[in-house]
PDB file of N, CA and C in Angstrom:
ATOM      1  N   MET A   1     -55.272  65.454 -26.861  1.00  0.00           N
ATOM      2  CA  MET A   1     -54.212  64.756 -26.179  1.00  0.00           C
ATOM      3  C   MET A   1     -53.759  63.593 -27.059  1.00  0.00           C
ATOM      4  N   LEU A   2     -52.472  63.492 -27.273  1.00  0.00           N
ATOM      5  CA  LEU A   2     -51.928  62.392 -28.052  1.00  0.00           C
ATOM      6  C   LEU A   2     -51.748  61.171 -27.173  1.00  0.00           C
ATOM      7  N   MET A   3     -52.110  60.025 -27.727  1.00  0.00           N
ATOM      8  CA  MET A   3     -51.941  58.776 -26.991  1.00  0.00           C
ATOM      9  C   MET A   3     -50.758  58.026 -27.569  1.00  0.00           C
ATOM     10  N   SER A   4     -50.074  57.284 -26.736  1.00  0.00           N
ATOM     11  CA  SER A   4     -48.950  56.498 -27.211  1.00  0.00           C
ATOM     12  C   SER A   4     -49.098  55.071 -26.703  1.00  0.00           C
ATOM     13  N   LEU A   5     -48.356  54.183 -27.296  1.00  0.00           N
ATOM     14  CA  LEU A   5     -48.397  52.772 -26.945  1.00  0.00           C
ATOM     15  C   LEU A   5     -47.018  52.358 -26.472  1.00  0.00           C
ATOM     16  N   ASN A   6     -46.946  51.762 -25.300  1.00  0.00           N
ATOM     17  CA  ASN A   6     -45.688  51.234 -24.777  1.00  0.00           C
ATOM     18  C   ASN A   6     -45.664  49.735 -24.993  1.00  0.00           C
ATOM     19  N   VAL A   7     -44.551  49.235 -25.458  1.00  0.00           N
ATOM     20  CA  VAL A   7     -44.368  47.800 -25.639  1.00  0.00           C
ATOM     21  C   VAL A   7     -43.375  47.322 -24.586  1.00  0.00           C
ATOM     22  N   VAL A   8     -43.783  46.315 -23.805  1.00  0.00           N
ATOM     23  CA  VAL A   8     -42.948  45.789 -22.738  1.00  0.00           C
ATOM     24  C   VAL A   8     -42.769  44.294 -22.972  1.00  0.00           C
ATOM     25  N   THR A   9     -41.530  43.821 -22.901  1.00  0.00           N
ATOM     26  CA  THR A   9     -41.239  42.399 -23.022  1.00  0.00           C
ATOM     27  C   THR A   9     -40.734  41.907 -21.673  1.00  0.00           C
ATOM     28  N   LEU A  10     -41.436  40.942 -21.100  1.00  0.00           N
ATOM     29  CA  LEU A  10     -41.043  40.355 -19.824  1.00  0.00           C
ATOM     30  C   LEU A  10     -40.625  38.908 -20.062  1.00  0.00           C
ATOM     31  N   VAL A  11     -39.497  38.530 -19.505  1.00  0.00           N
ATOM     32  CA  VAL A  11     -39.020  37.151 -19.590  1.00  0.00           C
ATOM     33  C   VAL A  11     -38.917  36.639 -18.169  1.00  0.00           C
ATOM     34  N   GLY A  12     -39.639  35.559 -17.878  1.00  0.00           N
ATOM     35  CA  GLY A  12     -39.639  35.057 -16.516  1.00  0.00           C
ATOM     36  C   GLY A  12     -40.256  33.678 -16.433  1.00  0.00           C
ATOM     37  N   ARG A  13     -40.705  33.353 -15.230  1.00  0.00           N
ATOM     38  CA  ARG A  13     -41.295  32.040 -14.962  1.00  0.00           C
ATOM     39  C   ARG A  13     -42.730  32.220 -14.499  1.00  0.00           C
ATOM     40  N   ALA A  14     -43.615  31.352 -14.973  1.00  0.00           N
ATOM     41  CA  ALA A  14     -45.009  31.392 -14.537  1.00  0.00           C
ATOM     42  C   ALA A  14     -45.086  30.963 -13.078  1.00  0.00           C
ATOM     43  N   GLY A  15     -45.846  31.712 -12.278  1.00  0.00           N
ATOM     44  CA  GLY A  15     -45.972  31.408 -10.860  1.00  0.00           C
ATOM     45  C   GLY A  15     -46.969  30.304 -10.573  1.00  0.00           C
ATOM     46  N   ARG A  16     -47.929  30.122 -11.448  1.00  0.00           N
ATOM     47  CA  ARG A  16     -48.931  29.057 -11.314  1.00  0.00           C
ATOM     48  C   ARG A  16     -49.534  28.814 -12.688  1.00  0.00           C
ATOM     49  N   ASP A  17     -50.376  27.806 -12.779  1.00  0.00           N
ATOM     50  CA  ASP A  17     -51.011  27.507 -14.057  1.00  0.00           C
ATOM     51  C   ASP A  17     -51.884  28.681 -14.496  1.00  0.00           C
ATOM     52  N   PRO A  18     -51.862  29.004 -15.791  1.00  0.00           N
ATOM     53  CA  PRO A  18     -52.693  30.111 -16.274  1.00  0.00           C
ATOM     54  C   PRO A  18     -54.177  29.746 -16.218  1.00  0.00           C
ATOM     55  N   GLU A  19     -55.010  30.767 -16.012  1.00  0.00           N
ATOM     56  CA  GLU A  19     -56.459  30.608 -16.048  1.00  0.00           C
ATOM     57  C   GLU A  19     -56.951  31.139 -17.388  1.00  0.00           C
ATOM     58  N   VAL A  20     -57.607  30.279 -18.173  1.00  0.00           N
ATOM     59  CA  VAL A  20     -58.088  30.679 -19.494  1.00  0.00           C
ATOM     60  C   VAL A  20     -59.609  30.650 -19.485  1.00  0.00           C
ATOM     61  N   LYS A  21     -60.224  31.742 -19.965  1.00  0.00           N
ATOM     62  CA  LYS A  21     -61.682  31.829 -20.048  1.00  0.00           C
ATOM     63  C   LYS A  21     -62.085  32.123 -21.489  1.00  0.00           C
ATOM     64  N   TYR A  22     -63.086  31.397 -21.967  1.00  0.00           N
ATOM     65  CA  TYR A  22     -63.629  31.593 -23.307  1.00  0.00           C
ATOM     66  C   TYR A  22     -65.022  32.197 -23.184  1.00  0.00           C
ATOM     67  N   PHE A  23     -65.308  33.181 -24.012  1.00  0.00           N
ATOM     68  CA  PHE A  23     -66.597  33.861 -23.968  1.00  0.00           C
ATOM     69  C   PHE A  23     -67.395  33.552 -25.226  1.00  0.00           C
ATOM     70  N   GLU A  24     -68.713  33.686 -25.107  1.00  0.00           N
ATOM     71  CA  GLU A  24     -69.601  33.408 -26.242  1.00  0.00           C
ATOM     72  C   GLU A  24     -69.313  34.300 -27.439  1.00  0.00           C
ATOM     73  N   SER A  25     -68.775  35.473 -27.189  1.00  0.00           N
ATOM     74  CA  SER A  25     -68.457  36.406 -28.269  1.00  0.00           C
ATOM     75  C   SER A  25     -67.250  35.956 -29.090  1.00  0.00           C
ATOM     76  N   GLY A  26     -66.526  34.922 -28.597  1.00  0.00           N
ATOM     77  CA  GLY A  26     -65.321  34.458 -29.274  1.00  0.00           C
ATOM     78  C   GLY A  26     -64.049  34.989 -28.642  1.00  0.00           C
ATOM     79  N   SER A  27     -64.187  35.882 -27.674  1.00  0.00           N
ATOM     80  CA  SER A  27     -63.015  36.426 -26.984  1.00  0.00           C
ATOM     81  C   SER A  27     -62.412  35.386 -26.045  1.00  0.00           C
ATOM     82  N   VAL A  28     -61.118  35.512 -25.839  1.00  0.00           N
ATOM     83  CA  VAL A  28     -60.396  34.637 -24.921  1.00  0.00           C
ATOM     84  C   VAL A  28     -59.573  35.516 -23.987  1.00  0.00           C
ATOM     85  N   VAL A  29     -59.596  35.207 -22.685  1.00  0.00           N
ATOM     86  CA  VAL A  29     -58.805  35.939 -21.697  1.00  0.00           C
ATOM     87  C   VAL A  29     -57.967  34.928 -20.930  1.00  0.00           C
ATOM     88  N   CYS A  30     -56.684  35.235 -20.775  1.00  0.00           N
ATOM     89  CA  CYS A  30     -55.776  34.383 -20.014  1.00  0.00           C
ATOM     90  C   CYS A  30     -55.168  35.226 -18.887  1.00  0.00           C
ATOM     91  N   LYS A  31     -55.268  34.733 -17.646  1.00  0.00           N
ATOM     92  CA  LYS A  31     -54.680  35.417 -16.492  1.00  0.00           C
ATOM     93  C   LYS A  31     -53.569  34.544 -15.929  1.00  0.00           C
ATOM     94  N   LEU A  32     -52.419  35.169 -15.621  1.00  0.00           N
ATOM     95  CA  LEU A  32     -51.307  34.434 -15.050  1.00  0.00           C
ATOM     96  C   LEU A  32     -50.419  35.366 -14.251  1.00  0.00           C
ATOM     97  N   THR A  33     -49.571  34.791 -13.413  1.00  0.00           N
ATOM     98  CA  THR A  33     -48.564  35.556 -12.686  1.00  0.00           C
ATOM     99  C   THR A  33     -47.198  35.174 -13.235  1.00  0.00           C
ATOM    100  N   LEU A  34     -46.310  36.155 -13.286  1.00  0.00           N
ATOM    101  CA  LEU A  34     -44.982  35.942 -13.856  1.00  0.00           C
ATOM    102  C   LEU A  34     -43.935  36.470 -12.883  1.00  0.00           C
ATOM    103  N   ALA A  35     -42.933  35.650 -12.580  1.00  0.00           N
ATOM    104  CA  ALA A  35     -41.820  36.048 -11.719  1.00  0.00           C
ATOM    105  C   ALA A  35     -40.645  36.434 -12.612  1.00  0.00           C
ATOM    106  N   VAL A  36     -40.124  37.645 -12.410  1.00  0.00           N
ATOM    107  CA  VAL A  36     -39.029  38.159 -13.237  1.00  0.00           C
ATOM    108  C   VAL A  36     -37.886  38.594 -12.326  1.00  0.00           C
ATOM    109  N   ASN A  37     -36.685  38.094 -12.588  1.00  0.00           N
ATOM    110  CA  ASN A  37     -35.489  38.510 -11.851  1.00  0.00           C
ATOM    111  C   ASN A  37     -34.821  39.657 -12.586  1.00  0.00           C
ATOM    112  N   ARG A  38     -34.389  40.668 -11.844  1.00  0.00           N
ATOM    113  CA  ARG A  38     -33.672  41.792 -12.436  1.00  0.00           C
ATOM    114  C   ARG A  38     -32.185  41.456 -12.468  1.00  0.00           C
ATOM    115  N   PRO A  39     -31.539  41.584 -13.625  1.00  0.00           N
ATOM    116  CA  PRO A  39     -30.116  41.242 -13.706  1.00  0.00           C
ATOM    117  C   PRO A  39     -29.220  42.234 -12.962  1.00  0.00           C
ATOM    118  N   THR A  40     -29.712  43.427 -12.675  1.00  0.00           N
ATOM    119  CA  THR A  40     -28.879  44.438 -12.024  1.00  0.00           C
ATOM    120  C   THR A  40     -29.043  44.447 -10.517  1.00  0.00           C
ATOM    121  N   ARG A  41     -29.942  43.644  -9.990  1.00  0.00           N
ATOM    122  CA  ARG A  41     -30.212  43.654  -8.556  1.00  0.00           C
ATOM    123  C   ARG A  41     -29.576  42.433  -7.900  1.00  0.00           C
ATOM    124  N   ASN A  42     -28.987  42.578  -6.744  1.00  0.00           N
ATOM    125  CA  ASN A  42     -28.307  41.486  -6.050  1.00  0.00           C
ATOM    126  C   ASN A  42     -29.241  40.737  -5.107  1.00  0.00           C
ATOM    127  N   SER A  43     -30.496  40.675  -5.414  1.00  0.00           N
ATOM    128  CA  SER A  43     -31.472  40.014  -4.555  1.00  0.00           C
ATOM    129  C   SER A  43     -32.011  38.770  -5.254  1.00  0.00           C
ATOM    130  N   ASP A  44     -32.310  37.752  -4.447  1.00  0.00           N
ATOM    131  CA  ASP A  44     -32.902  36.538  -4.997  1.00  0.00           C
ATOM    132  C   ASP A  44     -34.417  36.648  -5.097  1.00  0.00           C
ATOM    133  N   THR A  45     -34.980  37.757  -4.643  1.00  0.00           N
ATOM    134  CA  THR A  45     -36.427  37.947  -4.674  1.00  0.00           C
ATOM    135  C   THR A  45     -36.849  38.500  -6.032  1.00  0.00           C
ATOM    136  N   PRO A  46     -37.719  37.781  -6.750  1.00  0.00           N
ATOM    137  CA  PRO A  46     -38.155  38.271  -8.062  1.00  0.00           C
ATOM    138  C   PRO A  46     -39.237  39.337  -7.940  1.00  0.00           C
ATOM    139  N   ASP A  47     -39.446  40.070  -9.013  1.00  0.00           N
ATOM    140  CA  ASP A  47     -40.590  40.973  -9.132  1.00  0.00           C
ATOM    141  C   ASP A  47     -41.738  40.149  -9.701  1.00  0.00           C
ATOM    142  N   TRP A  48     -42.928  40.271  -9.111  1.00  0.00           N
ATOM    143  CA  TRP A  48     -44.095  39.518  -9.557  1.00  0.00           C
ATOM    144  C   TRP A  48     -45.032  40.423 -10.342  1.00  0.00           C
ATOM    145  N   PHE A  49     -45.518  39.919 -11.466  1.00  0.00           N
ATOM    146  CA  PHE A  49     -46.444  40.658 -12.323  1.00  0.00           C
ATOM    147  C   PHE A  49     -47.713  39.832 -12.496  1.00  0.00           C
ATOM    148  N   ASN A  50     -48.861  40.474 -12.291  1.00  0.00           N
ATOM    149  CA  ASN A  50     -50.150  39.863 -12.601  1.00  0.00           C
ATOM    150  C   ASN A  50     -50.515  40.293 -14.013  1.00  0.00           C
ATOM    151  N   LEU A  51     -50.664  39.331 -14.912  1.00  0.00           N
ATOM    152  CA  LEU A  51     -50.889  39.642 -16.321  1.00  0.00           C
ATOM    153  C   LEU A  51     -52.265  39.174 -16.770  1.00  0.00           C
ATOM    154  N   GLY A  52     -52.860  39.937 -17.644  1.00  0.00           N
ATOM    155  CA  GLY A  52     -54.088  39.561 -18.326  1.00  0.00           C
ATOM    156  C   GLY A  52     -53.872  39.727 -19.814  1.00  0.00           C
ATOM    157  N   VAL A  53     -54.091  38.661 -20.558  1.00  0.00           N
ATOM    158  CA  VAL A  53     -53.857  38.681 -22.002  1.00  0.00           C
ATOM    159  C   VAL A  53     -55.180  38.381 -22.707  1.00  0.00           C
ATOM    160  N   THR A  54     -55.515  39.184 -23.706  1.00  0.00           N
ATOM    161  CA  THR A  54     -56.763  38.980 -24.449  1.00  0.00           C
ATOM    162  C   THR A  54     -56.476  38.683 -25.907  1.00  0.00           C
ATOM    163  N   ARG A  55     -57.439  38.053 -26.523  1.00  0.00           N
ATOM    164  CA  ARG A  55     -57.341  37.789 -27.959  1.00  0.00           C
ATOM    165  C   ARG A  55     -58.696  37.938 -28.570  1.00  0.00           C
TER     166      ARG A  55
END
């Protein structure tokens, strides 16, 4: 089975302060929520994304 990688760019506003955790292994994890408005939708309600970013 072939695997593929999708790249997604989200532009929005942070819903709250990010949570950053540092591990003894040197890894870093950041969790945050992002509110994104769709330009094609006539609603004031944003789409919310729960994100986890690692390094």
